[in-house]
């Protein structure tokens, strides 16, 4: 079993930007990123490089989940969750951008798909390496909550071999 990679740095320190550049260099990659485009967060499924709406305006008619001042499309959570589980079977890298309080405290957002992905990983059924983005101040909570069997914390993607 390959170690779970935890890519961790402070908020707004360029984690997604660095991941986006790194992912563009990979040929067998799945999962998703949540980059900002024109100051609005989007979901980018990495397998097919398809963008979809993620952050929604206040007056939206779409179903959403609130996280602080943000509203995120439930449809995007579903799309990203499906990508995680299907991509885990055949991609060399599976990226999860990001796991936070919503998942750990409320079992929403990328849950239950992320826990299902970890169960597949523990069973040796994930083809490649999982890279999970976790904010620096949530790293200890993440490790206590998910209890990964083997993990490596990286602060720059150059540390991934």
Protein backbone atom coordinates (compact mmCIF):
# COMPACT_ATOMS: atom_id res chain seq x y z
CA UNK A 1 0.00 0.00 0.00
CA UNK A 2 1.37 3.39 -0.99
CA UNK A 3 1.30 6.08 1.70
CA UNK A 4 -1.55 8.58 1.63
CA UNK A 5 -0.05 11.94 0.62
CA UNK A 6 -1.33 14.87 2.69
CA UNK A 7 -0.58 18.13 0.90
CA UNK A 8 -0.79 20.72 3.64
CA UNK A 9 -0.16 24.45 3.90
CA UNK A 10 -2.01 27.51 5.24
CA UNK A 11 -5.18 28.95 3.70
CA UNK A 12 -4.64 30.95 0.48
CA UNK A 13 -1.01 29.80 0.16
CA UNK A 14 -1.35 28.50 -3.41
CA UNK A 15 -2.07 24.80 -2.78
CA UNK A 16 -4.62 24.47 -5.57
CA UNK A 17 -2.54 26.57 -7.98
CA UNK A 18 0.51 24.37 -7.37
CA UNK A 19 -1.63 21.24 -7.75
CA UNK A 20 -3.14 22.50 -11.00
CA UNK A 21 0.31 23.00 -12.53
CA UNK A 22 1.53 19.63 -11.22
CA UNK A 23 -1.58 17.80 -12.45
CA UNK A 24 -1.17 19.25 -15.94
CA UNK A 25 2.15 17.35 -16.17
CA UNK A 26 0.56 13.97 -15.27
CA UNK A 27 -0.89 11.55 -17.82
CA UNK A 28 -2.84 9.23 -15.50
CA UNK A 29 -4.69 11.39 -13.01
CA UNK A 30 -8.15 11.47 -11.49
CA UNK A 31 -10.12 13.07 -8.72
CA UNK A 32 -10.68 16.81 -8.72
CA UNK A 33 -9.42 20.29 -7.98
CA UNK A 34 -11.42 23.32 -6.86
CA UNK A 35 -9.63 26.26 -8.51
CA UNK A 36 -10.76 29.87 -8.51
CA UNK A 37 -11.65 31.33 -11.91
CA UNK A 38 -12.60 35.02 -11.95
CA UNK A 39 -12.86 34.94 -8.14
CA UNK A 40 -15.39 32.08 -8.21
CA UNK A 41 -14.53 28.52 -7.24
CA UNK A 42 -15.11 25.78 -9.80
CA UNK A 43 -14.85 22.01 -9.80
CA UNK A 44 -12.28 20.58 -12.21
CA UNK A 45 -12.55 16.83 -12.80
CA UNK A 46 -9.00 15.84 -13.65
CA UNK A 47 -9.65 12.72 -15.75
CA UNK A 48 -11.46 14.65 -18.48
CA UNK A 49 -10.38 18.23 -17.58
CA UNK A 50 -14.05 19.30 -17.37
CA UNK A 51 -15.01 22.36 -15.32
CA UNK A 52 -18.37 22.75 -13.63
CA UNK A 53 -20.02 25.26 -11.31
CA UNK A 54 -19.09 24.80 -7.66
CA UNK A 55 -19.40 28.12 -5.79
CA UNK A 56 -22.88 29.57 -6.24
CA UNK A 57 -24.28 33.12 -5.92
CA UNK A 58 -26.60 34.11 -3.07
CA UNK A 59 -29.74 34.08 -5.21
CA UNK A 60 -29.22 30.61 -6.66
CA UNK A 61 -32.08 28.19 -7.29
CA UNK A 62 -29.68 25.23 -7.25
CA UNK A 63 -29.39 22.88 -4.28
CA UNK A 64 -26.34 23.84 -2.20
CA UNK A 65 -24.41 23.32 1.01
CA UNK A 66 -23.29 26.38 3.00
CA UNK A 67 -19.78 26.62 4.38
CA UNK A 68 -19.32 29.94 6.13
CA UNK A 69 -20.09 32.66 3.59
CA UNK A 70 -19.88 30.22 0.66
CA UNK A 71 -22.56 28.18 -1.10
CA UNK A 72 -21.35 25.10 -2.92
CA UNK A 73 -23.42 23.15 -5.44
CA UNK A 74 -24.53 19.76 -4.19
CA UNK A 75 -24.40 18.56 -7.79
CA UNK A 76 -20.66 19.37 -7.88
CA UNK A 77 -20.11 17.43 -4.65
CA UNK A 78 -21.85 14.46 -6.32
CA UNK A 79 -19.76 14.80 -9.49
CA UNK A 80 -16.49 15.02 -7.55
CA UNK A 81 -17.46 12.11 -5.31
CA UNK A 82 -18.24 9.91 -8.30
CA UNK A 83 -14.91 10.87 -9.89
CA UNK A 84 -13.01 9.86 -6.74
CA UNK A 85 -14.49 6.39 -6.62
CA UNK A 86 -14.36 5.59 -10.33
CA UNK A 87 -10.90 7.09 -10.91
CA UNK A 88 -9.41 5.18 -7.95
CA UNK A 89 -9.56 1.96 -9.93
CA UNK A 90 -7.40 2.98 -12.88
CA UNK A 91 -5.52 6.28 -12.40
CA UNK A 92 -1.94 6.63 -11.11
CA UNK A 93 -2.87 9.65 -8.96
CA UNK A 94 -6.17 10.53 -7.28
CA UNK A 95 -6.41 14.14 -6.06
CA UNK A 96 -8.89 15.37 -3.43
CA UNK A 97 -8.94 19.18 -3.14
CA UNK A 98 -9.73 19.47 -0.16
CA UNK A 99 -10.87 17.72 3.02
CA UNK A 100 -11.91 19.97 5.89
CA UNK A 101 -14.36 20.57 8.70
CA UNK A 102 -17.42 19.92 6.52
CA UNK A 103 -16.26 16.37 5.91
CA UNK A 104 -14.83 15.64 9.34
CA UNK A 105 -17.44 17.35 11.54
CA UNK A 106 -20.63 17.11 9.49
CA UNK A 107 -20.05 14.11 7.19
CA UNK A 108 -21.01 16.30 4.21
CA UNK A 109 -19.19 17.61 1.16
CA UNK A 110 -16.87 14.88 -0.12
CA UNK A 111 -18.23 12.42 2.42
CA UNK A 112 -19.05 9.57 2.35
CA UNK A 113 -17.03 9.17 -0.87
CA UNK A 114 -13.71 10.09 0.73
CA UNK A 115 -14.14 7.49 3.48
CA UNK A 116 -15.13 4.94 0.84
CA UNK A 117 -11.97 5.84 -1.11
CA UNK A 118 -9.87 5.29 2.02
CA UNK A 119 -11.54 1.92 2.58
CA UNK A 120 -10.67 0.91 -0.99
CA UNK A 121 -7.09 2.12 -0.37
CA UNK A 122 -6.81 0.11 2.85
CA UNK A 123 -8.08 -2.97 0.98
CA UNK A 124 -5.40 -2.50 -1.71
CA UNK A 125 -7.94 -1.74 -4.44
CA UNK A 126 -6.75 1.77 -5.32
CA UNK A 127 -4.41 1.61 -8.31
CA UNK A 128 -2.40 4.73 -7.61
CA UNK A 129 -1.43 7.33 -5.06
CA UNK A 130 -4.03 9.41 -3.20
CA UNK A 131 -3.16 13.06 -2.67
CA UNK A 132 -5.47 14.82 -0.21
CA UNK A 133 -5.30 18.56 0.40
CA UNK A 134 -5.66 19.47 4.09
CA UNK A 135 -5.20 22.91 5.61
CA UNK A 136 -2.26 23.09 8.00
CA UNK A 137 -4.36 23.84 11.08
CA UNK A 138 -6.60 20.80 10.37
CA UNK A 139 -3.83 18.28 9.79
CA UNK A 140 -3.87 16.76 13.30
CA UNK A 141 -7.68 16.59 13.22
CA UNK A 142 -7.55 14.85 9.82
CA UNK A 143 -5.09 12.23 11.08
CA UNK A 144 -7.12 11.61 14.27
CA UNK A 145 -10.41 11.41 12.35
CA UNK A 146 -9.39 9.22 9.39
CA UNK A 147 -6.53 7.32 11.06
CA UNK A 148 -4.62 6.54 7.86
CA UNK A 149 -2.44 3.43 8.12
CA UNK A 150 0.42 5.10 6.28
CA UNK A 151 0.77 8.76 5.32
CA UNK A 152 3.30 11.36 4.30
CA UNK A 153 2.84 15.09 4.82
CA UNK A 154 4.22 17.27 2.04
CA UNK A 155 4.29 21.05 1.77
CA UNK A 156 5.43 21.15 -1.86
CA UNK A 157 4.58 18.70 -4.62
CA UNK A 158 8.26 18.32 -5.56
CA UNK A 159 8.38 15.96 -2.53
CA UNK A 160 6.19 13.42 -4.35
CA UNK A 161 8.21 10.71 -6.05
